[in-house]
Amino acid sequence: MSCTHPSPNHNDRKGQAVKVIVLHADASPNERGCLSWLQSSESKVSYHALVGRDGKVYTVVPYDRRAWHAGKAEWSGHKDVNGISVGLCFSNKNDGKEPLTEAQKEAMRKLIAEVRGKYGPVPVTTHAKVAPGRKTDPENVPGFDLAQFT
């Protein structure tokens, strides 16, 4: 995967296999601001891809690299969630008011299928589930239903 908006915020997976996809919502009012943040080395944050409100996909970190998206998190006994996951993000304010667009949902389903085509039938979870009490995204987004993406 070539990146349309490369981020410096990633490193080697150190041989860890992709075992899960983690969905996020960026809490940003627009894609431009989010992409600028992801491309800044000061942020120390990245996703593998960001899905814009219009369904446009911005690729940020190659799937074979460890993007810095989950922070302090745990999934199925793994404490290095970044090392075993692909982080995919919806551009959304995550304010409890802005819903996802149909274009975003469709683009995300295609991205998930692409990741599964590369890594097999890996499960899909959310940032809220891997970092409970610390993060709410994208479960705070009105109408978000994880079942639409699993």
N, C-alpha and C. Protein backbone atom coordinates (compact mmCIF):
# COMPACT_ATOMS: atom_id res chain seq x y z
N MET A 1 0.85 -1.19 0.00
CA MET A 1 0.00 0.00 0.00
C MET A 1 0.89 1.24 0.00
N SER A 2 0.74 2.09 -0.99
CA SER A 2 1.45 3.35 -0.99
C SER A 2 0.60 4.37 -0.23
N CYS A 3 1.25 5.26 0.46
CA CYS A 3 0.53 6.21 1.32
C CYS A 3 0.30 7.53 0.62
N THR A 4 -0.94 8.02 0.69
CA THR A 4 -1.28 9.31 0.11
C THR A 4 -0.85 10.45 1.02
N HIS A 5 -0.82 10.21 2.33
CA HIS A 5 -0.47 11.21 3.32
C HIS A 5 0.43 10.57 4.38
N PRO A 6 1.68 10.25 4.02
CA PRO A 6 2.56 9.50 4.92
C PRO A 6 2.81 10.19 6.26
N SER A 7 2.80 9.38 7.29
CA SER A 7 3.09 9.84 8.66
C SER A 7 4.44 9.28 9.08
N PRO A 8 5.20 10.04 9.87
CA PRO A 8 6.45 9.52 10.42
C PRO A 8 6.21 8.69 11.68
N ASN A 9 4.97 8.62 12.13
CA ASN A 9 4.65 8.03 13.43
C ASN A 9 4.30 6.54 13.32
N HIS A 10 5.33 5.75 13.09
CA HIS A 10 5.18 4.30 12.99
C HIS A 10 6.54 3.66 13.17
N ASN A 11 6.55 2.36 13.38
CA ASN A 11 7.80 1.62 13.49
C ASN A 11 7.56 0.17 13.07
N ASP A 12 8.59 -0.65 13.21
CA ASP A 12 8.53 -2.05 12.80
C ASP A 12 7.61 -2.85 13.71
N ARG A 13 6.87 -3.80 13.15
CA ARG A 13 6.01 -4.67 13.96
C ARG A 13 6.82 -5.70 14.74
N LYS A 14 8.08 -5.85 14.45
CA LYS A 14 8.97 -6.80 15.13
C LYS A 14 8.44 -8.22 15.06
N GLY A 15 7.97 -8.59 13.86
CA GLY A 15 7.53 -9.96 13.64
C GLY A 15 6.15 -10.31 14.15
N GLN A 16 5.46 -9.35 14.76
CA GLN A 16 4.11 -9.64 15.26
C GLN A 16 3.12 -9.69 14.10
N ALA A 17 2.23 -10.65 14.15
CA ALA A 17 1.21 -10.80 13.11
C ALA A 17 0.01 -9.89 13.39
N VAL A 18 -0.67 -9.45 12.33
CA VAL A 18 -1.91 -8.68 12.48
C VAL A 18 -2.99 -9.64 12.95
N LYS A 19 -3.61 -9.33 14.09
CA LYS A 19 -4.62 -10.19 14.69
C LYS A 19 -5.97 -9.51 14.85
N VAL A 20 -6.04 -8.18 14.66
CA VAL A 20 -7.27 -7.45 14.90
C VAL A 20 -7.24 -6.12 14.14
N ILE A 21 -8.42 -5.64 13.80
CA ILE A 21 -8.59 -4.30 13.23
C ILE A 21 -9.25 -3.45 14.31
N VAL A 22 -8.69 -2.27 14.56
CA VAL A 22 -9.24 -1.36 15.56
C VAL A 22 -9.80 -0.14 14.85
N LEU A 23 -11.10 0.12 15.07
CA LEU A 23 -11.77 1.29 14.49
C LEU A 23 -11.70 2.47 15.44
N HIS A 24 -11.54 3.66 14.87
CA HIS A 24 -11.43 4.90 15.63
C HIS A 24 -12.34 5.98 15.02
N ALA A 25 -12.53 7.07 15.76
CA ALA A 25 -13.08 8.32 15.25
C ALA A 25 -12.11 9.40 15.71
N ASP A 26 -11.71 10.28 14.81
CA ASP A 26 -10.58 11.18 15.08
C ASP A 26 -10.87 12.40 15.95
N ALA A 27 -12.12 12.74 16.22
CA ALA A 27 -12.48 13.90 17.04
C ALA A 27 -11.99 15.21 16.42
N SER A 28 -11.94 15.25 15.10
CA SER A 28 -11.49 16.44 14.39
C SER A 28 -12.62 17.00 13.53
N PRO A 29 -12.71 18.33 13.40
CA PRO A 29 -13.78 18.90 12.61
C PRO A 29 -13.62 18.73 11.10
N ASN A 30 -12.39 18.41 10.63
CA ASN A 30 -12.19 18.19 9.20
C ASN A 30 -10.98 17.30 8.95
N GLU A 31 -10.95 16.73 7.78
CA GLU A 31 -9.88 15.80 7.41
C GLU A 31 -8.53 16.50 7.33
N ARG A 32 -8.52 17.71 6.79
CA ARG A 32 -7.26 18.44 6.62
C ARG A 32 -6.52 18.60 7.94
N GLY A 33 -7.25 19.00 8.99
CA GLY A 33 -6.63 19.17 10.30
C GLY A 33 -6.11 17.86 10.87
N CYS A 34 -6.89 16.81 10.72
CA CYS A 34 -6.48 15.50 11.21
C CYS A 34 -5.23 15.02 10.48
N LEU A 35 -5.22 15.12 9.16
CA LEU A 35 -4.07 14.66 8.38
C LEU A 35 -2.81 15.45 8.73
N SER A 36 -2.97 16.74 8.95
CA SER A 36 -1.83 17.56 9.36
C SER A 36 -1.25 17.06 10.69
N TRP A 37 -2.13 16.74 11.63
CA TRP A 37 -1.72 16.22 12.94
C TRP A 37 -1.01 14.88 12.79
N LEU A 38 -1.57 14.00 11.97
CA LEU A 38 -0.98 12.68 11.76
C LEU A 38 0.38 12.76 11.08
N GLN A 39 0.58 13.78 10.26
CA GLN A 39 1.84 13.92 9.54
C GLN A 39 2.91 14.67 10.36
N SER A 40 2.53 15.14 11.53
CA SER A 40 3.47 15.85 12.40
C SER A 40 4.19 14.87 13.31
N SER A 41 5.50 14.93 13.34
CA SER A 41 6.26 14.04 14.24
C SER A 41 6.00 14.39 15.70
N GLU A 42 5.56 15.60 15.96
CA GLU A 42 5.26 16.02 17.34
C GLU A 42 4.05 15.29 17.92
N SER A 43 3.10 14.90 17.06
CA SER A 43 1.87 14.28 17.55
C SER A 43 2.09 12.88 18.10
N LYS A 44 3.04 12.16 17.51
CA LYS A 44 3.30 10.76 17.89
C LYS A 44 2.03 9.90 17.76
N VAL A 45 1.18 10.24 16.77
CA VAL A 45 -0.08 9.55 16.53
C VAL A 45 -0.21 9.25 15.04
N SER A 46 -0.76 8.09 14.72
CA SER A 46 -1.05 7.77 13.32
C SER A 46 -2.11 6.67 13.26
N TYR A 47 -2.67 6.51 12.08
CA TYR A 47 -3.56 5.39 11.76
C TYR A 47 -2.99 4.79 10.48
N HIS A 48 -3.48 3.65 10.12
CA HIS A 48 -3.10 3.11 8.81
C HIS A 48 -3.88 3.85 7.72
N ALA A 49 -5.14 4.18 8.01
CA ALA A 49 -5.96 4.91 7.04
C ALA A 49 -7.03 5.73 7.75
N LEU A 50 -7.39 6.84 7.11
CA LEU A 50 -8.45 7.71 7.58
C LEU A 50 -9.53 7.75 6.49
N VAL A 51 -10.80 7.59 6.90
CA VAL A 51 -11.91 7.65 5.96
C VAL A 51 -12.62 8.98 6.14
N GLY A 52 -12.57 9.82 5.10
CA GLY A 52 -13.21 11.13 5.15
C GLY A 52 -14.72 11.04 5.13
N ARG A 53 -15.35 12.14 5.45
CA ARG A 53 -16.80 12.21 5.50
C ARG A 53 -17.44 11.89 4.15
N ASP A 54 -16.71 12.19 3.07
CA ASP A 54 -17.23 11.90 1.73
C ASP A 54 -16.86 10.50 1.25
N GLY A 55 -16.21 9.70 2.12
CA GLY A 55 -15.83 8.34 1.77
C GLY A 55 -14.44 8.22 1.18
N LYS A 56 -13.76 9.35 0.98
CA LYS A 56 -12.39 9.31 0.46
C LYS A 56 -11.48 8.66 1.49
N VAL A 57 -10.60 7.79 1.02
CA VAL A 57 -9.66 7.10 1.92
C VAL A 57 -8.29 7.73 1.78
N TYR A 58 -7.74 8.14 2.93
CA TYR A 58 -6.41 8.71 3.01
C TYR A 58 -5.52 7.66 3.67
N THR A 59 -4.51 7.19 2.96
CA THR A 59 -3.62 6.19 3.54
C THR A 59 -2.44 6.90 4.20
N VAL A 60 -2.10 6.44 5.41
CA VAL A 60 -1.16 7.17 6.25
C VAL A 60 0.07 6.33 6.61
N VAL A 61 -0.14 5.06 6.96
CA VAL A 61 0.94 4.14 7.32
C VAL A 61 0.69 2.81 6.60
N PRO A 62 1.72 2.22 5.98
CA PRO A 62 1.51 0.90 5.34
C PRO A 62 1.06 -0.14 6.36
N TYR A 63 0.24 -1.08 5.92
CA TYR A 63 -0.29 -2.11 6.82
C TYR A 63 0.79 -2.94 7.49
N ASP A 64 1.92 -3.11 6.83
CA ASP A 64 2.97 -3.95 7.41
C ASP A 64 3.81 -3.22 8.47
N ARG A 65 3.49 -1.98 8.74
CA ARG A 65 4.18 -1.20 9.78
C ARG A 65 3.27 -1.03 11.00
N ARG A 66 3.85 -0.74 12.13
CA ARG A 66 3.14 -0.57 13.41
C ARG A 66 2.76 0.91 13.57
N ALA A 67 1.51 1.24 13.24
CA ALA A 67 1.01 2.62 13.41
C ALA A 67 0.75 2.86 14.89
N TRP A 68 0.86 4.11 15.30
CA TRP A 68 0.70 4.48 16.72
C TRP A 68 -0.71 5.03 16.96
N HIS A 69 -1.68 4.14 17.05
CA HIS A 69 -3.08 4.56 17.11
C HIS A 69 -3.80 4.17 18.40
N ALA A 70 -3.39 3.12 19.07
CA ALA A 70 -4.18 2.61 20.19
C ALA A 70 -3.72 3.12 21.55
N GLY A 71 -2.47 3.52 21.67
CA GLY A 71 -1.96 3.99 22.96
C GLY A 71 -1.98 2.86 23.99
N LYS A 72 -2.20 3.24 25.24
CA LYS A 72 -2.28 2.24 26.31
C LYS A 72 -3.58 1.47 26.12
N ALA A 73 -3.44 0.21 25.73
CA ALA A 73 -4.62 -0.58 25.37
C ALA A 73 -4.30 -2.05 25.52
N GLU A 74 -5.36 -2.87 25.52
CA GLU A 74 -5.19 -4.32 25.59
C GLU A 74 -6.30 -5.00 24.81
N TRP A 75 -5.92 -6.05 24.08
CA TRP A 75 -6.91 -6.83 23.35
C TRP A 75 -6.54 -8.30 23.49
N SER A 76 -7.45 -9.09 24.00
CA SER A 76 -7.30 -10.54 24.10
C SER A 76 -5.94 -10.94 24.71
N GLY A 77 -5.56 -10.23 25.77
CA GLY A 77 -4.32 -10.53 26.47
C GLY A 77 -3.08 -9.86 25.91
N HIS A 78 -3.19 -9.22 24.75
CA HIS A 78 -2.06 -8.52 24.14
C HIS A 78 -2.02 -7.07 24.63
N LYS A 79 -0.91 -6.68 25.20
CA LYS A 79 -0.78 -5.31 25.71
C LYS A 79 -0.21 -4.35 24.66
N ASP A 80 0.41 -4.89 23.61
CA ASP A 80 0.91 -4.04 22.52
C ASP A 80 -0.09 -4.12 21.37
N VAL A 81 -1.21 -3.43 21.53
CA VAL A 81 -2.27 -3.48 20.52
C VAL A 81 -1.78 -2.91 19.19
N ASN A 82 -0.97 -1.86 19.24
CA ASN A 82 -0.44 -1.30 17.99
C ASN A 82 0.34 -2.35 17.19
N GLY A 83 1.05 -3.22 17.88
CA GLY A 83 1.88 -4.22 17.23
C GLY A 83 1.11 -5.32 16.54
N ILE A 84 -0.13 -5.56 16.94
CA ILE A 84 -0.91 -6.67 16.38
C ILE A 84 -2.15 -6.21 15.62
N SER A 85 -2.24 -4.92 15.35
CA SER A 85 -3.49 -4.41 14.76
C SER A 85 -3.25 -3.51 13.56
N VAL A 86 -4.33 -3.31 12.83
CA VAL A 86 -4.42 -2.28 11.81
C VAL A 86 -5.43 -1.26 12.34
N GLY A 87 -5.02 -0.01 12.40
CA GLY A 87 -5.88 1.06 12.91
C GLY A 87 -6.53 1.83 11.77
N LEU A 88 -7.85 1.79 11.72
CA LEU A 88 -8.62 2.48 10.68
C LEU A 88 -9.52 3.51 11.36
N CYS A 89 -9.57 4.70 10.80
CA CYS A 89 -10.26 5.80 11.48
C CYS A 89 -11.30 6.48 10.61
N PHE A 90 -12.44 6.78 11.22
CA PHE A 90 -13.46 7.63 10.60
C PHE A 90 -13.13 9.08 10.94
N SER A 91 -13.23 9.96 9.97
CA SER A 91 -13.16 11.38 10.27
C SER A 91 -14.53 11.75 10.84
N ASN A 92 -14.55 12.15 12.10
CA ASN A 92 -15.81 12.42 12.80
C ASN A 92 -15.48 13.16 14.09
N LYS A 93 -16.30 14.12 14.46
CA LYS A 93 -16.03 14.91 15.66
C LYS A 93 -16.04 14.08 16.94
N ASN A 94 -16.65 12.91 16.90
CA ASN A 94 -16.78 12.06 18.10
C ASN A 94 -17.33 12.87 19.28
N ASP A 95 -18.33 13.69 18.96
CA ASP A 95 -18.94 14.57 19.96
C ASP A 95 -20.31 14.07 20.42
N GLY A 96 -20.69 12.88 19.96
CA GLY A 96 -22.00 12.35 20.32
C GLY A 96 -23.12 12.93 19.48
N LYS A 97 -22.79 13.80 18.51
CA LYS A 97 -23.81 14.44 17.68
C LYS A 97 -23.64 14.13 16.19
N GLU A 98 -22.40 14.14 15.70
CA GLU A 98 -22.17 13.93 14.27
C GLU A 98 -22.21 12.45 13.91
N PRO A 99 -23.17 12.04 13.06
CA PRO A 99 -23.22 10.63 12.65
C PRO A 99 -22.22 10.34 11.53
N LEU A 100 -21.97 9.07 11.29
CA LEU A 100 -21.18 8.67 10.14
C LEU A 100 -22.02 8.85 8.88
N THR A 101 -21.36 9.11 7.76
CA THR A 101 -22.08 9.19 6.49
C THR A 101 -22.14 7.78 5.88
N GLU A 102 -23.09 7.58 5.00
CA GLU A 102 -23.18 6.30 4.29
C GLU A 102 -21.91 6.05 3.49
N ALA A 103 -21.35 7.11 2.90
CA ALA A 103 -20.11 6.97 2.13
C ALA A 103 -18.97 6.48 3.03
N GLN A 104 -18.90 6.96 4.26
CA GLN A 104 -17.87 6.50 5.20
C GLN A 104 -18.05 5.02 5.54
N LYS A 105 -19.29 4.65 5.81
CA LYS A 105 -19.54 3.25 6.17
C LYS A 105 -19.14 2.31 5.04
N GLU A 106 -19.51 2.66 3.82
CA GLU A 106 -19.18 1.82 2.67
C GLU A 106 -17.67 1.76 2.46
N ALA A 107 -17.00 2.90 2.54
CA ALA A 107 -15.54 2.92 2.37
C ALA A 107 -14.85 2.10 3.46
N MET A 108 -15.36 2.17 4.69
CA MET A 108 -14.75 1.41 5.77
C MET A 108 -14.93 -0.09 5.56
N ARG A 109 -16.11 -0.49 5.10
CA ARG A 109 -16.32 -1.92 4.82
C ARG A 109 -15.33 -2.41 3.75
N LYS A 110 -15.06 -1.58 2.75
CA LYS A 110 -14.10 -1.95 1.70
C LYS A 110 -12.69 -2.03 2.27
N LEU A 111 -12.32 -1.10 3.13
CA LEU A 111 -11.00 -1.14 3.76
C LEU A 111 -10.83 -2.40 4.60
N ILE A 112 -11.85 -2.72 5.37
CA ILE A 112 -11.80 -3.92 6.21
C ILE A 112 -11.63 -5.16 5.33
N ALA A 113 -12.35 -5.21 4.22
CA ALA A 113 -12.22 -6.35 3.29
C ALA A 113 -10.80 -6.40 2.72
N GLU A 114 -10.22 -5.25 2.44
CA GLU A 114 -8.84 -5.20 1.93
C GLU A 114 -7.85 -5.75 2.97
N VAL A 115 -8.01 -5.33 4.21
CA VAL A 115 -7.13 -5.81 5.29
C VAL A 115 -7.30 -7.32 5.45
N ARG A 116 -8.53 -7.79 5.45
CA ARG A 116 -8.78 -9.23 5.59
C ARG A 116 -8.25 -10.01 4.39
N GLY A 117 -8.26 -9.40 3.21
CA GLY A 117 -7.67 -10.05 2.05
C GLY A 117 -6.18 -10.27 2.22
N LYS A 118 -5.56 -9.40 2.96
CA LYS A 118 -4.11 -9.51 3.20
C LYS A 118 -3.78 -10.38 4.41
N TYR A 119 -4.58 -10.29 5.48
CA TYR A 119 -4.24 -10.95 6.75
C TYR A 119 -5.20 -12.05 7.19
N GLY A 120 -6.22 -12.32 6.42
CA GLY A 120 -7.17 -13.36 6.81
C GLY A 120 -8.35 -12.77 7.58
N PRO A 121 -9.23 -13.62 8.09
CA PRO A 121 -10.48 -13.15 8.71
C PRO A 121 -10.29 -12.60 10.13
N VAL A 122 -9.48 -11.54 10.24
CA VAL A 122 -9.23 -10.96 11.56
C VAL A 122 -10.48 -10.24 12.08
N PRO A 123 -10.71 -10.29 13.39
CA PRO A 123 -11.88 -9.61 13.95
C PRO A 123 -11.72 -8.09 13.93
N VAL A 124 -12.84 -7.41 14.13
CA VAL A 124 -12.87 -5.95 14.18
C VAL A 124 -13.35 -5.54 15.56
N THR A 125 -12.67 -4.56 16.15
CA THR A 125 -13.08 -4.03 17.45
C THR A 125 -12.97 -2.51 17.40
N THR A 126 -13.15 -1.87 18.54
CA THR A 126 -13.09 -0.41 18.60
C THR A 126 -12.05 0.06 19.60
N HIS A 127 -11.65 1.31 19.45
CA HIS A 127 -10.72 1.93 20.39
C HIS A 127 -11.32 1.91 21.80
N ALA A 128 -12.62 2.12 21.89
CA ALA A 128 -13.29 2.09 23.20
C ALA A 128 -13.16 0.73 23.86
N LYS A 129 -13.21 -0.34 23.08
CA LYS A 129 -13.13 -1.69 23.65
C LYS A 129 -11.71 -2.07 24.07
N VAL A 130 -10.69 -1.55 23.36
CA VAL A 130 -9.31 -1.90 23.73
C VAL A 130 -8.73 -0.94 24.77
N ALA A 131 -9.38 0.20 24.95
CA ALA A 131 -8.94 1.18 25.95
C ALA A 131 -10.14 1.67 26.77
N PRO A 132 -10.85 0.73 27.43
CA PRO A 132 -12.07 1.11 28.17
C PRO A 132 -11.75 2.09 29.30
N GLY A 133 -12.66 3.05 29.46
CA GLY A 133 -12.47 4.07 30.49
C GLY A 133 -11.56 5.19 30.04
N ARG A 134 -10.80 4.96 28.99
CA ARG A 134 -9.88 5.97 28.47
C ARG A 134 -10.37 6.56 27.16
N LYS A 135 -11.00 5.73 26.33
CA LYS A 135 -11.47 6.16 25.01
C LYS A 135 -12.91 5.73 24.78
N THR A 136 -13.64 6.50 23.97
CA THR A 136 -15.04 6.19 23.66
C THR A 136 -15.28 5.96 22.17
N ASP A 137 -14.28 6.23 21.37
CA ASP A 137 -14.48 6.18 19.91
C ASP A 137 -14.39 4.76 19.36
N PRO A 138 -15.10 4.53 18.27
CA PRO A 138 -16.14 5.36 17.66
C PRO A 138 -17.53 5.07 18.22
N GLU A 139 -17.58 4.39 19.35
CA GLU A 139 -18.88 4.00 19.92
C GLU A 139 -19.72 5.20 20.36
N ASN A 140 -19.09 6.35 20.51
CA ASN A 140 -19.79 7.58 20.88
C ASN A 140 -20.48 8.22 19.68
N VAL A 141 -20.21 7.73 18.49
CA VAL A 141 -20.77 8.30 17.27
C VAL A 141 -22.21 7.80 17.10
N PRO A 142 -23.17 8.72 16.95
CA PRO A 142 -24.57 8.31 16.79
C PRO A 142 -24.76 7.35 15.62
N GLY A 143 -25.45 6.26 15.90
CA GLY A 143 -25.75 5.28 14.86
C GLY A 143 -24.62 4.31 14.58
N PHE A 144 -23.47 4.47 15.25
CA PHE A 144 -22.39 3.50 15.02
C PHE A 144 -22.81 2.15 15.56
N ASP A 145 -22.64 1.12 14.74
CA ASP A 145 -22.96 -0.25 15.14
C ASP A 145 -21.83 -1.14 14.66
N LEU A 146 -21.05 -1.64 15.59
CA LEU A 146 -19.89 -2.47 15.24
C LEU A 146 -20.28 -3.63 14.34
N ALA A 147 -21.50 -4.16 14.52
CA ALA A 147 -21.95 -5.30 13.72
C ALA A 147 -21.95 -4.99 12.21
N GLN A 148 -22.05 -3.72 11.83
CA GLN A 148 -22.00 -3.34 10.42
C GLN A 148 -20.64 -3.59 9.79
N PHE A 149 -19.62 -3.78 10.64
CA PHE A 149 -18.25 -3.87 10.15
C PHE A 149 -17.56 -5.18 10.52
N THR A 150 -18.27 -6.10 11.16
CA THR A 150 -17.62 -7.34 11.60
C THR A 150 -17.82 -8.49 10.64
